[in-house]
Amino acid sequence: MKDKPATKQRILSTIGLSFRAGLMTSGFDAITLALHQGAVELLIVATDGSEKQRDKLLRIAKEEETAARSFGTAEELGQAIGKDNRIAIAILDQGMGKKLLKLIDENKKVEKSAEGAE
């Protein structure tokens, strides 16, 4: 159980790093544009965001064959990049996208195995 918070914090820290390095964008309109341009390597949507906006972004990501994951709350994503709540963020760098995809998928496995142990 100790790894779970550290893993989530590591993902949020990595998201913050990608923001400071200019490797991501946020905001519904900016993400929509980047998705249509094929510039997004990984779409991360908050688990508690507006369902209508989440569904639209996920649909576009699927059409554009862009990897997408649900992770964190809108508040957590916003805090990670020093902004207000964010329902989604888009990672624009291939290396950072792959790294975050791997971390998020590992985190989901840890959470599922922890739930199964309860």
PDB file of N, CA and C in Angstrom:
ATOM      1  N   MET A   1       0.814  -1.201   0.000  1.00  0.00           N
ATOM      2  CA  MET A   1       0.000   0.000   0.000  1.00  0.00           C
ATOM      3  C   MET A   1       0.856   1.263   0.000  1.00  0.00           C
ATOM      4  N   LYS A   2       2.106   1.170   0.488  1.00  0.00           N
ATOM      5  CA  LYS A   2       2.944   2.373   0.559  1.00  0.00           C
ATOM      6  C   LYS A   2       3.273   2.935  -0.821  1.00  0.00           C
ATOM      7  N   ASP A   3       3.406   2.069  -1.826  1.00  0.00           N
ATOM      8  CA  ASP A   3       3.789   2.510  -3.171  1.00  0.00           C
ATOM      9  C   ASP A   3       2.713   3.350  -3.848  1.00  0.00           C
ATOM     10  N   LYS A   4       1.448   3.101  -3.533  1.00  0.00           N
ATOM     11  CA  LYS A   4       0.347   3.757  -4.239  1.00  0.00           C
ATOM     12  C   LYS A   4       0.428   5.288  -4.203  1.00  0.00           C
ATOM     13  N   PRO A   5       0.526   5.922  -3.016  1.00  0.00           N
ATOM     14  CA  PRO A   5       0.618   7.387  -3.012  1.00  0.00           C
ATOM     15  C   PRO A   5       1.882   7.896  -3.705  1.00  0.00           C
ATOM     16  N   ALA A   6       2.988   7.185  -3.507  1.00  0.00           N
ATOM     17  CA  ALA A   6       4.245   7.603  -4.135  1.00  0.00           C
ATOM     18  C   ALA A   6       4.121   7.532  -5.655  1.00  0.00           C
ATOM     19  N   THR A   7       3.482   6.491  -6.152  1.00  0.00           N
ATOM     20  CA  THR A   7       3.323   6.336  -7.590  1.00  0.00           C
ATOM     21  C   THR A   7       2.453   7.457  -8.152  1.00  0.00           C
ATOM     22  N   LYS A   8       1.347   7.750  -7.485  1.00  0.00           N
ATOM     23  CA  LYS A   8       0.467   8.824  -7.945  1.00  0.00           C
ATOM     24  C   LYS A   8       1.213  10.161  -7.882  1.00  0.00           C
ATOM     25  N   GLN A   9       1.952  10.380  -6.796  1.00  0.00           N
ATOM     26  CA  GLN A   9       2.714  11.623  -6.660  1.00  0.00           C
ATOM     27  C   GLN A   9       3.790  11.715  -7.740  1.00  0.00           C
ATOM     28  N   ARG A  10       4.406  10.591  -8.066  1.00  0.00           N
ATOM     29  CA  ARG A  10       5.435  10.579  -9.115  1.00  0.00           C
ATOM     30  C   ARG A  10       4.834  10.977 -10.465  1.00  0.00           C
ATOM     31  N   ILE A  11       3.634  10.467 -10.751  1.00  0.00           N
ATOM     32  CA  ILE A  11       2.960  10.814 -12.001  1.00  0.00           C
ATOM     33  C   ILE A  11       2.656  12.304 -12.028  1.00  0.00           C
ATOM     34  N   LEU A  12       2.104  12.820 -10.930  1.00  0.00           N
ATOM     35  CA  LEU A  12       1.776  14.252 -10.872  1.00  0.00           C
ATOM     36  C   LEU A  12       3.035  15.110 -10.982  1.00  0.00           C
ATOM     37  N   SER A  13       4.124  14.666 -10.368  1.00  0.00           N
ATOM     38  CA  SER A  13       5.395  15.395 -10.486  1.00  0.00           C
ATOM     39  C   SER A  13       5.908  15.398 -11.925  1.00  0.00           C
ATOM     40  N   THR A  14       5.756  14.269 -12.591  1.00  0.00           N
ATOM     41  CA  THR A  14       6.188  14.157 -13.995  1.00  0.00           C
ATOM     42  C   THR A  14       5.330  15.062 -14.886  1.00  0.00           C
ATOM     43  N   ILE A  15       4.038  15.145 -14.585  1.00  0.00           N
ATOM     44  CA  ILE A  15       3.156  16.062 -15.323  1.00  0.00           C
ATOM     45  C   ILE A  15       3.623  17.495 -15.113  1.00  0.00           C
ATOM     46  N   GLY A  16       3.959  17.845 -13.866  1.00  0.00           N
ATOM     47  CA  GLY A  16       4.468  19.185 -13.568  1.00  0.00           C
ATOM     48  C   GLY A  16       5.756  19.485 -14.313  1.00  0.00           C
ATOM     49  N   LEU A  17       6.635  18.505 -14.375  1.00  0.00           N
ATOM     50  CA  LEU A  17       7.902  18.660 -15.098  1.00  0.00           C
ATOM     51  C   LEU A  17       7.645  18.910 -16.585  1.00  0.00           C
ATOM     52  N   SER A  18       6.698  18.168 -17.159  1.00  0.00           N
ATOM     53  CA  SER A  18       6.413  18.343 -18.583  1.00  0.00           C
ATOM     54  C   SER A  18       5.813  19.723 -18.847  1.00  0.00           C
ATOM     55  N   PHE A  19       5.052  20.252 -17.895  1.00  0.00           N
ATOM     56  CA  PHE A  19       4.515  21.611 -18.047  1.00  0.00           C
ATOM     57  C   PHE A  19       5.642  22.633 -18.035  1.00  0.00           C
ATOM     58  N   ARG A  20       6.530  22.513 -17.041  1.00  0.00           N
ATOM     59  CA  ARG A  20       7.644  23.476 -16.926  1.00  0.00           C
ATOM     60  C   ARG A  20       8.575  23.401 -18.130  1.00  0.00           C
ATOM     61  N   ALA A  21       8.669  22.217 -18.740  1.00  0.00           N
ATOM     62  CA  ALA A  21       9.537  22.042 -19.914  1.00  0.00           C
ATOM     63  C   ALA A  21       8.837  22.435 -21.215  1.00  0.00           C
ATOM     64  N   GLY A  22       7.556  22.827 -21.121  1.00  0.00           N
ATOM     65  CA  GLY A  22       6.816  23.235 -22.320  1.00  0.00           C
ATOM     66  C   GLY A  22       6.422  22.072 -23.211  1.00  0.00           C
ATOM     67  N   LEU A  23       6.248  20.889 -22.619  1.00  0.00           N
ATOM     68  CA  LEU A  23       5.954  19.686 -23.393  1.00  0.00           C
ATOM     69  C   LEU A  23       4.486  19.290 -23.344  1.00  0.00           C
ATOM     70  N   MET A  24       3.627  20.183 -22.855  1.00  0.00           N
ATOM     71  CA  MET A  24       2.215  19.861 -22.734  1.00  0.00           C
ATOM     72  C   MET A  24       1.357  21.099 -22.924  1.00  0.00           C
ATOM     73  N   THR A  25       0.064  20.865 -23.100  1.00  0.00           N
ATOM     74  CA  THR A  25      -0.892  21.958 -23.170  1.00  0.00           C
ATOM     75  C   THR A  25      -2.115  21.556 -22.354  1.00  0.00           C
ATOM     76  N   SER A  26      -2.891  22.559 -21.965  1.00  0.00           N
ATOM     77  CA  SER A  26      -4.118  22.279 -21.227  1.00  0.00           C
ATOM     78  C   SER A  26      -5.182  23.260 -21.683  1.00  0.00           C
ATOM     79  N   GLY A  27      -6.400  23.000 -21.276  1.00  0.00           N
ATOM     80  CA  GLY A  27      -7.524  23.821 -21.730  1.00  0.00           C
ATOM     81  C   GLY A  27      -8.230  23.121 -22.873  1.00  0.00           C
ATOM     82  N   PHE A  28      -9.533  23.080 -22.797  1.00  0.00           N
ATOM     83  CA  PHE A  28     -10.336  22.321 -23.750  1.00  0.00           C
ATOM     84  C   PHE A  28     -10.043  22.695 -25.206  1.00  0.00           C
ATOM     85  N   ASP A  29     -10.074  23.993 -25.531  1.00  0.00           N
ATOM     86  CA  ASP A  29      -9.865  24.431 -26.920  1.00  0.00           C
ATOM     87  C   ASP A  29      -8.458  24.121 -27.423  1.00  0.00           C
ATOM     88  N   ALA A  30      -7.457  24.369 -26.574  1.00  0.00           N
ATOM     89  CA  ALA A  30      -6.067  24.104 -26.979  1.00  0.00           C
ATOM     90  C   ALA A  30      -5.833  22.616 -27.214  1.00  0.00           C
ATOM     91  N   ILE A  31      -6.416  21.789 -26.359  1.00  0.00           N
ATOM     92  CA  ILE A  31      -6.250  20.338 -26.517  1.00  0.00           C
ATOM     93  C   ILE A  31      -6.974  19.850 -27.769  1.00  0.00           C
ATOM     94  N   THR A  32      -8.186  20.345 -27.992  1.00  0.00           N
ATOM     95  CA  THR A  32      -8.943  19.957 -29.179  1.00  0.00           C
ATOM     96  C   THR A  32      -8.158  20.275 -30.446  1.00  0.00           C
ATOM     97  N   LEU A  33      -7.596  21.477 -30.503  1.00  0.00           N
ATOM     98  CA  LEU A  33      -6.800  21.888 -31.658  1.00  0.00           C
ATOM     99  C   LEU A  33      -5.575  20.989 -31.824  1.00  0.00           C
ATOM    100  N   ALA A  34      -4.859  20.751 -30.729  1.00  0.00           N
ATOM    101  CA  ALA A  34      -3.654  19.916 -30.788  1.00  0.00           C
ATOM    102  C   ALA A  34      -3.991  18.489 -31.218  1.00  0.00           C
ATOM    103  N   LEU A  35      -5.128  17.958 -30.748  1.00  0.00           N
ATOM    104  CA  LEU A  35      -5.550  16.613 -31.159  1.00  0.00           C
ATOM    105  C   LEU A  35      -5.804  16.557 -32.659  1.00  0.00           C
ATOM    106  N   HIS A  36      -6.536  17.545 -33.179  1.00  0.00           N
ATOM    107  CA  HIS A  36      -6.838  17.571 -34.617  1.00  0.00           C
ATOM    108  C   HIS A  36      -5.574  17.743 -35.461  1.00  0.00           C
ATOM    109  N   GLN A  37      -4.547  18.388 -34.906  1.00  0.00           N
ATOM    110  CA  GLN A  37      -3.292  18.583 -35.627  1.00  0.00           C
ATOM    111  C   GLN A  37      -2.370  17.369 -35.516  1.00  0.00           C
ATOM    112  N   GLY A  38      -2.771  16.394 -34.696  1.00  0.00           N
ATOM    113  CA  GLY A  38      -1.937  15.207 -34.522  1.00  0.00           C
ATOM    114  C   GLY A  38      -0.716  15.460 -33.658  1.00  0.00           C
ATOM    115  N   ALA A  39      -0.758  16.501 -32.835  1.00  0.00           N
ATOM    116  CA  ALA A  39       0.400  16.880 -32.036  1.00  0.00           C
ATOM    117  C   ALA A  39       0.424  16.228 -30.650  1.00  0.00           C
ATOM    118  N   VAL A  40      -0.651  15.552 -30.272  1.00  0.00           N
ATOM    119  CA  VAL A  40      -0.762  15.001 -28.920  1.00  0.00           C
ATOM    120  C   VAL A  40      -0.253  13.560 -28.881  1.00  0.00           C
ATOM    121  N   GLU A  41       0.655  13.300 -27.937  1.00  0.00           N
ATOM    122  CA  GLU A  41       1.167  11.934 -27.744  1.00  0.00           C
ATOM    123  C   GLU A  41       0.333  11.186 -26.716  1.00  0.00           C
ATOM    124  N   LEU A  42      -0.177  11.910 -25.713  1.00  0.00           N
ATOM    125  CA  LEU A  42      -0.976  11.287 -24.666  1.00  0.00           C
ATOM    126  C   LEU A  42      -1.982  12.298 -24.134  1.00  0.00           C
ATOM    127  N   LEU A  43      -3.235  11.918 -24.113  1.00  0.00           N
ATOM    128  CA  LEU A  43      -4.300  12.726 -23.525  1.00  0.00           C
ATOM    129  C   LEU A  43      -4.598  12.157 -22.149  1.00  0.00           C
ATOM    130  N   ILE A  44      -4.548  13.016 -21.134  1.00  0.00           N
ATOM    131  CA  ILE A  44      -4.888  12.612 -19.772  1.00  0.00           C
ATOM    132  C   ILE A  44      -6.117  13.397 -19.353  1.00  0.00           C
ATOM    133  N   VAL A  45      -7.201  12.693 -19.032  1.00  0.00           N
ATOM    134  CA  VAL A  45      -8.437  13.348 -18.601  1.00  0.00           C
ATOM    135  C   VAL A  45      -8.667  13.052 -17.131  1.00  0.00           C
ATOM    136  N   ALA A  46      -9.139  14.060 -16.410  1.00  0.00           N
ATOM    137  CA  ALA A  46      -9.429  13.905 -14.992  1.00  0.00           C
ATOM    138  C   ALA A  46     -10.592  12.944 -14.801  1.00  0.00           C
ATOM    139  N   THR A  47     -10.570  12.230 -13.723  1.00  0.00           N
ATOM    140  CA  THR A  47     -11.628  11.259 -13.442  1.00  0.00           C
ATOM    141  C   THR A  47     -12.942  11.932 -13.059  1.00  0.00           C
ATOM    142  N   ASP A  48     -12.869  13.194 -12.681  1.00  0.00           N
ATOM    143  CA  ASP A  48     -14.072  13.888 -12.196  1.00  0.00           C
ATOM    144  C   ASP A  48     -14.458  15.096 -13.054  1.00  0.00           C
ATOM    145  N   GLY A  49     -13.923  15.196 -14.232  1.00  0.00           N
ATOM    146  CA  GLY A  49     -14.222  16.338 -15.096  1.00  0.00           C
ATOM    147  C   GLY A  49     -15.625  16.278 -15.683  1.00  0.00           C
ATOM    148  N   SER A  50     -15.995  17.330 -16.376  1.00  0.00           N
ATOM    149  CA  SER A  50     -17.284  17.380 -17.063  1.00  0.00           C
ATOM    150  C   SER A  50     -17.388  16.197 -18.019  1.00  0.00           C
ATOM    151  N   GLU A  51     -18.425  15.397 -17.836  1.00  0.00           N
ATOM    152  CA  GLU A  51     -18.568  14.184 -18.653  1.00  0.00           C
ATOM    153  C   GLU A  51     -18.675  14.523 -20.137  1.00  0.00           C
ATOM    154  N   LYS A  52     -19.394  15.587 -20.451  1.00  0.00           N
ATOM    155  CA  LYS A  52     -19.572  15.988 -21.846  1.00  0.00           C
ATOM    156  C   LYS A  52     -18.222  16.342 -22.492  1.00  0.00           C
ATOM    157  N   GLN A  53     -17.409  17.143 -21.795  1.00  0.00           N
ATOM    158  CA  GLN A  53     -16.107  17.529 -22.340  1.00  0.00           C
ATOM    159  C   GLN A  53     -15.149  16.342 -22.385  1.00  0.00           C
ATOM    160  N   ARG A  54     -15.155  15.525 -21.332  1.00  0.00           N
ATOM    161  CA  ARG A  54     -14.300  14.323 -21.312  1.00  0.00           C
ATOM    162  C   ARG A  54     -14.623  13.433 -22.500  1.00  0.00           C
ATOM    163  N   ASP A  55     -15.921  13.163 -22.701  1.00  0.00           N
ATOM    164  CA  ASP A  55     -16.340  12.285 -23.794  1.00  0.00           C
ATOM    165  C   ASP A  55     -15.929  12.838 -25.151  1.00  0.00           C
ATOM    166  N   LYS A  56     -16.068  14.153 -25.336  1.00  0.00           N
ATOM    167  CA  LYS A  56     -15.697  14.762 -26.613  1.00  0.00           C
ATOM    168  C   LYS A  56     -14.188  14.622 -26.856  1.00  0.00           C
ATOM    169  N   LEU A  57     -13.383  14.919 -25.826  1.00  0.00           N
ATOM    170  CA  LEU A  57     -11.930  14.804 -25.986  1.00  0.00           C
ATOM    171  C   LEU A  57     -11.519  13.359 -26.238  1.00  0.00           C
ATOM    172  N   LEU A  58     -12.120  12.423 -25.510  1.00  0.00           N
ATOM    173  CA  LEU A  58     -11.787  11.013 -25.707  1.00  0.00           C
ATOM    174  C   LEU A  58     -12.201  10.523 -27.092  1.00  0.00           C
ATOM    175  N   ARG A  59     -13.336  11.015 -27.597  1.00  0.00           N
ATOM    176  CA  ARG A  59     -13.784  10.643 -28.943  1.00  0.00           C
ATOM    177  C   ARG A  59     -12.793  11.144 -29.996  1.00  0.00           C
ATOM    178  N   ILE A  60     -12.360  12.391 -29.849  1.00  0.00           N
ATOM    179  CA  ILE A  60     -11.394  12.960 -30.800  1.00  0.00           C
ATOM    180  C   ILE A  60     -10.084  12.179 -30.724  1.00  0.00           C
ATOM    181  N   ALA A  61      -9.632  11.869 -29.504  1.00  0.00           N
ATOM    182  CA  ALA A  61      -8.383  11.116 -29.336  1.00  0.00           C
ATOM    183  C   ALA A  61      -8.487   9.764 -30.041  1.00  0.00           C
ATOM    184  N   LYS A  62      -9.635   9.105 -29.912  1.00  0.00           N
ATOM    185  CA  LYS A  62      -9.828   7.807 -30.565  1.00  0.00           C
ATOM    186  C   LYS A  62      -9.788   7.966 -32.082  1.00  0.00           C
ATOM    187  N   GLU A  63     -10.473   9.005 -32.595  1.00  0.00           N
ATOM    188  CA  GLU A  63     -10.468   9.265 -34.047  1.00  0.00           C
ATOM    189  C   GLU A  63      -9.060   9.517 -34.563  1.00  0.00           C
ATOM    190  N   GLU A  64      -8.258  10.216 -33.771  1.00  0.00           N
ATOM    191  CA  GLU A  64      -6.894  10.576 -34.176  1.00  0.00           C
ATOM    192  C   GLU A  64      -5.869   9.497 -33.799  1.00  0.00           C
ATOM    193  N   GLU A  65      -6.375   8.381 -33.221  1.00  0.00           N
ATOM    194  CA  GLU A  65      -5.513   7.278 -32.788  1.00  0.00           C
ATOM    195  C   GLU A  65      -4.447   7.749 -31.802  1.00  0.00           C
ATOM    196  N   THR A  66      -4.893   8.551 -30.837  1.00  0.00           N
ATOM    197  CA  THR A  66      -4.022   9.089 -29.800  1.00  0.00           C
ATOM    198  C   THR A  66      -4.281   8.339 -28.500  1.00  0.00           C
ATOM    199  N   ALA A  67      -3.222   7.963 -27.809  1.00  0.00           N
ATOM    200  CA  ALA A  67      -3.366   7.284 -26.517  1.00  0.00           C
ATOM    201  C   ALA A  67      -4.061   8.223 -25.528  1.00  0.00           C
ATOM    202  N   ALA A  68      -4.947   7.659 -24.713  1.00  0.00           N
ATOM    203  CA  ALA A  68      -5.673   8.455 -23.717  1.00  0.00           C
ATOM    204  C   ALA A  68      -5.861   7.634 -22.450  1.00  0.00           C
ATOM    205  N   ARG A  69      -5.767   8.315 -21.307  1.00  0.00           N
ATOM    206  CA  ARG A  69      -5.968   7.668 -20.013  1.00  0.00           C
ATOM    207  C   ARG A  69      -6.729   8.623 -19.090  1.00  0.00           C
ATOM    208  N   SER A  70      -7.507   8.049 -18.182  1.00  0.00           N
ATOM    209  CA  SER A  70      -8.120   8.809 -17.097  1.00  0.00           C
ATOM    210  C   SER A  70      -7.190   8.700 -15.904  1.00  0.00           C
ATOM    211  N   PHE A  71      -6.899   9.845 -15.284  1.00  0.00           N
ATOM    212  CA  PHE A  71      -6.004   9.827 -14.129  1.00  0.00           C
ATOM    213  C   PHE A  71      -6.205  11.089 -13.306  1.00  0.00           C
ATOM    214  N   GLY A  72      -6.283  10.916 -12.008  1.00  0.00           N
ATOM    215  CA  GLY A  72      -6.326  12.045 -11.091  1.00  0.00           C
ATOM    216  C   GLY A  72      -7.608  12.860 -11.191  1.00  0.00           C
ATOM    217  N   THR A  73      -7.753  13.764 -10.259  1.00  0.00           N
ATOM    218  CA  THR A  73      -8.901  14.662 -10.283  1.00  0.00           C
ATOM    219  C   THR A  73      -8.517  15.944 -11.015  1.00  0.00           C
ATOM    220  N   ALA A  74      -9.518  16.731 -11.364  1.00  0.00           N
ATOM    221  CA  ALA A  74      -9.255  18.014 -12.024  1.00  0.00           C
ATOM    222  C   ALA A  74      -8.394  18.900 -11.121  1.00  0.00           C
ATOM    223  N   GLU A  75      -8.642  18.825  -9.829  1.00  0.00           N
ATOM    224  CA  GLU A  75      -7.851  19.616  -8.878  1.00  0.00           C
ATOM    225  C   GLU A  75      -6.394  19.156  -8.860  1.00  0.00           C
ATOM    226  N   GLU A  76      -6.175  17.838  -8.836  1.00  0.00           N
ATOM    227  CA  GLU A  76      -4.810  17.300  -8.817  1.00  0.00           C
ATOM    228  C   GLU A  76      -4.051  17.660 -10.092  1.00  0.00           C
ATOM    229  N   LEU A  77      -4.699  17.541 -11.243  1.00  0.00           N
ATOM    230  CA  LEU A  77      -4.037  17.896 -12.507  1.00  0.00           C
ATOM    231  C   LEU A  77      -3.695  19.377 -12.531  1.00  0.00           C
ATOM    232  N   GLY A  78      -4.620  20.212 -12.068  1.00  0.00           N
ATOM    233  CA  GLY A  78      -4.360  21.648 -12.018  1.00  0.00           C
ATOM    234  C   GLY A  78      -3.211  21.984 -11.090  1.00  0.00           C
ATOM    235  N   GLN A  79      -3.212  21.395  -9.906  1.00  0.00           N
ATOM    236  CA  GLN A  79      -2.137  21.651  -8.941  1.00  0.00           C
ATOM    237  C   GLN A  79      -0.786  21.215  -9.479  1.00  0.00           C
ATOM    238  N   ALA A  80      -0.759  20.111 -10.218  1.00  0.00           N
ATOM    239  CA  ALA A  80       0.501  19.593 -10.763  1.00  0.00           C
ATOM    240  C   ALA A  80       1.181  20.597 -11.682  1.00  0.00           C
ATOM    241  N   ILE A  81       0.368  21.434 -12.354  1.00  0.00           N
ATOM    242  CA  ILE A  81       0.953  22.410 -13.282  1.00  0.00           C
ATOM    243  C   ILE A  81       0.819  23.844 -12.772  1.00  0.00           C
ATOM    244  N   GLY A  82       0.399  23.989 -11.518  1.00  0.00           N
ATOM    245  CA  GLY A  82       0.316  25.315 -10.917  1.00  0.00           C
ATOM    246  C   GLY A  82      -0.810  26.171 -11.466  1.00  0.00           C
ATOM    247  N   LYS A  83      -1.891  25.539 -11.865  1.00  0.00           N
ATOM    248  CA  LYS A  83      -3.040  26.259 -12.432  1.00  0.00           C
ATOM    249  C   LYS A  83      -4.309  25.864 -11.676  1.00  0.00           C
ATOM    250  N   ASP A  84      -5.446  26.464 -12.094  1.00  0.00           N
ATOM    251  CA  ASP A  84      -6.734  26.057 -11.556  1.00  0.00           C
ATOM    252  C   ASP A  84      -7.051  24.651 -12.047  1.00  0.00           C
ATOM    253  N   ASN A  85      -8.180  24.124 -11.606  1.00  0.00           N
ATOM    254  CA  ASN A  85      -8.594  22.776 -12.012  1.00  0.00           C
ATOM    255  C   ASN A  85      -8.501  22.599 -13.527  1.00  0.00           C
ATOM    256  N   ARG A  86      -8.027  21.422 -13.930  1.00  0.00           N
ATOM    257  CA  ARG A  86      -7.911  21.076 -15.340  1.00  0.00           C
ATOM    258  C   ARG A  86      -8.609  19.746 -15.583  1.00  0.00           C
ATOM    259  N   ILE A  87      -9.583  19.733 -16.493  1.00  0.00           N
ATOM    260  CA  ILE A  87     -10.276  18.472 -16.772  1.00  0.00           C
ATOM    261  C   ILE A  87      -9.445  17.573 -17.679  1.00  0.00           C
ATOM    262  N   ALA A  88      -8.457  18.164 -18.346  1.00  0.00           N
ATOM    263  CA  ALA A  88      -7.596  17.368 -19.218  1.00  0.00           C
ATOM    264  C   ALA A  88      -6.289  18.101 -19.472  1.00  0.00           C
ATOM    265  N   ILE A  89      -5.272  17.314 -19.773  1.00  0.00           N
ATOM    266  CA  ILE A  89      -3.995  17.861 -20.235  1.00  0.00           C
ATOM    267  C   ILE A  89      -3.532  17.001 -21.401  1.00  0.00           C
ATOM    268  N   ALA A  90      -2.761  17.589 -22.277  1.00  0.00           N
ATOM    269  CA  ALA A  90      -2.258  16.869 -23.447  1.00  0.00           C
ATOM    270  C   ALA A  90      -0.736  16.933 -23.447  1.00  0.00           C
ATOM    271  N   ILE A  91      -0.105  15.778 -23.458  1.00  0.00           N
ATOM    272  CA  ILE A  91       1.352  15.693 -23.526  1.00  0.00           C
ATOM    273  C   ILE A  91       1.738  15.700 -25.002  1.00  0.00           C
ATOM    274  N   LEU A  92       2.621  16.629 -25.357  1.00  0.00           N
ATOM    275  CA  LEU A  92       2.983  16.832 -26.762  1.00  0.00           C
ATOM    276  C   LEU A  92       4.296  16.161 -27.159  1.00  0.00           C
ATOM    277  N   ASP A  93       5.066  15.711 -26.172  1.00  0.00           N
ATOM    278  CA  ASP A  93       6.382  15.112 -26.427  1.00  0.00           C
ATOM    279  C   ASP A  93       6.280  13.589 -26.395  1.00  0.00           C
ATOM    280  N   GLN A  94       6.850  12.934 -27.402  1.00  0.00           N
ATOM    281  CA  GLN A  94       6.740  11.480 -27.509  1.00  0.00           C
ATOM    282  C   GLN A  94       7.370  10.764 -26.314  1.00  0.00           C
ATOM    283  N   GLY A  95       8.573  11.156 -25.938  1.00  0.00           N
ATOM    284  CA  GLY A  95       9.254  10.503 -24.818  1.00  0.00           C
ATOM    285  C   GLY A  95       8.494  10.671 -23.513  1.00  0.00           C
ATOM    286  N   MET A  96       8.045  11.884 -23.240  1.00  0.00           N
ATOM    287  CA  MET A  96       7.296  12.149 -22.017  1.00  0.00           C
ATOM    288  C   MET A  96       5.948  11.439 -22.055  1.00  0.00           C
ATOM    289  N   GLY A  97       5.332  11.385 -23.224  1.00  0.00           N
ATOM    290  CA  GLY A  97       4.057  10.680 -23.370  1.00  0.00           C
ATOM    291  C   GLY A  97       4.200   9.202 -23.040  1.00  0.00           C
ATOM    292  N   LYS A  98       5.248   8.572 -23.566  1.00  0.00           N
ATOM    293  CA  LYS A  98       5.485   7.150 -23.294  1.00  0.00           C
ATOM    294  C   LYS A  98       5.767   6.906 -21.814  1.00  0.00           C
ATOM    295  N   LYS A  99       6.552   7.804 -21.215  1.00  0.00           N
ATOM    296  CA  LYS A  99       6.891   7.653 -19.799  1.00  0.00           C
ATOM    297  C   LYS A  99       5.632   7.743 -18.936  1.00  0.00           C
ATOM    298  N   LEU A 100       4.808   8.751 -19.187  1.00  0.00           N
ATOM    299  CA  LEU A 100       3.588   8.919 -18.394  1.00  0.00           C
ATOM    300  C   LEU A 100       2.590   7.788 -18.639  1.00  0.00           C
ATOM    301  N   LEU A 101       2.489   7.331 -19.864  1.00  0.00           N
ATOM    302  CA  LEU A 101       1.602   6.202 -20.183  1.00  0.00           C
ATOM    303  C   LEU A 101       2.007   4.981 -19.359  1.00  0.00           C
ATOM    304  N   LYS A 102       3.293   4.707 -19.308  1.00  0.00           N
ATOM    305  CA  LYS A 102       3.816   3.571 -18.552  1.00  0.00           C
ATOM    306  C   LYS A 102       3.522   3.747 -17.056  1.00  0.00           C
ATOM    307  N   LEU A 103       3.786   4.943 -16.520  1.00  0.00           N
ATOM    308  CA  LEU A 103       3.553   5.193 -15.094  1.00  0.00           C
ATOM    309  C   LEU A 103       2.071   5.062 -14.725  1.00  0.00           C
ATOM    310  N   ILE A 104       1.191   5.630 -15.558  1.00  0.00           N
ATOM    311  CA  ILE A 104      -0.246   5.570 -15.281  1.00  0.00           C
ATOM    312  C   ILE A 104      -0.741   4.129 -15.336  1.00  0.00           C
ATOM    313  N   ASP A 105      -0.292   3.375 -16.329  1.00  0.00           N
ATOM    314  CA  ASP A 105      -0.706   1.977 -16.438  1.00  0.00           C
ATOM    315  C   ASP A 105      -0.197   1.152 -15.250  1.00  0.00           C
ATOM    316  N   GLU A 106       1.045   1.411 -14.811  1.00  0.00           N
ATOM    317  CA  GLU A 106       1.581   0.717 -13.634  1.00  0.00           C
ATOM    318  C   GLU A 106       0.763   1.075 -12.397  1.00  0.00           C
ATOM    319  N   ASN A 107       0.404   2.349 -12.264  1.00  0.00           N
ATOM    320  CA  ASN A 107      -0.385   2.814 -11.121  1.00  0.00           C
ATOM    321  C   ASN A 107      -1.743   2.131 -11.085  1.00  0.00           C
ATOM    322  N   LYS A 108      -2.369   1.963 -12.237  1.00  0.00           N
ATOM    323  CA  LYS A 108      -3.667   1.291 -12.296  1.00  0.00           C
ATOM    324  C   LYS A 108      -3.554  -0.170 -11.850  1.00  0.00           C
ATOM    325  N   LYS A 109      -2.463  -0.843 -12.243  1.00  0.00           N
ATOM    326  CA  LYS A 109      -2.257  -2.233 -11.826  1.00  0.00           C
ATOM    327  C   LYS A 109      -2.087  -2.318 -10.306  1.00  0.00           C
ATOM    328  N   VAL A 110      -1.322  -1.383  -9.735  1.00  0.00           N
ATOM    329  CA  VAL A 110      -1.102  -1.356  -8.289  1.00  0.00           C
ATOM    330  C   VAL A 110      -2.423  -1.140  -7.561  1.00  0.00           C
ATOM    331  N   GLU A 111      -3.222  -0.193  -8.055  1.00  0.00           N
ATOM    332  CA  GLU A 111      -4.511   0.085  -7.427  1.00  0.00           C
ATOM    333  C   GLU A 111      -5.441  -1.124  -7.517  1.00  0.00           C
ATOM    334  N   LYS A 112      -5.464  -1.798  -8.672  1.00  0.00           N
ATOM    335  CA  LYS A 112      -6.330  -2.968  -8.832  1.00  0.00           C
ATOM    336  C   LYS A 112      -5.891  -4.098  -7.908  1.00  0.00           C
ATOM    337  N   SER A 113      -4.595  -4.333  -7.797  1.00  0.00           N
ATOM    338  CA  SER A 113      -4.131  -5.412  -6.909  1.00  0.00           C
ATOM    339  C   SER A 113      -4.384  -5.056  -5.445  1.00  0.00           C
ATOM    340  N   ALA A 114      -4.308  -3.778  -5.098  1.00  0.00           N
ATOM    341  CA  ALA A 114      -4.612  -3.347  -3.719  1.00  0.00           C
ATOM    342  C   ALA A 114      -6.087  -3.551  -3.417  1.00  0.00           C
ATOM    343  N   GLU A 115      -6.955  -3.261  -4.395  1.00  0.00           N
ATOM    344  CA  GLU A 115      -8.393  -3.458  -4.206  1.00  0.00           C
ATOM    345  C   GLU A 115      -8.708  -4.930  -4.041  1.00  0.00           C
ATOM    346  N   GLY A 116      -8.027  -5.766  -4.805  1.00  0.00           N
ATOM    347  CA  GLY A 116      -8.257  -7.203  -4.727  1.00  0.00           C
ATOM    348  C   GLY A 116      -7.807  -7.792  -3.410  1.00  0.00           C
ATOM    349  N   ALA A 117      -6.814  -7.172  -2.762  1.00  0.00           N
ATOM    350  CA  ALA A 117      -6.286  -7.661  -1.494  1.00  0.00           C
ATOM    351  C   ALA A 117      -7.180  -7.307  -0.318  1.00  0.00           C
ATOM    352  N   GLU A 118      -8.071  -6.356  -0.499  1.00  0.00           N
ATOM    353  CA  GLU A 118      -8.937  -5.913   0.605  1.00  0.00           C
ATOM    354  C   GLU A 118     -10.063  -6.877   0.873  1.00  0.00           C
TER     355      GLU A 118
END
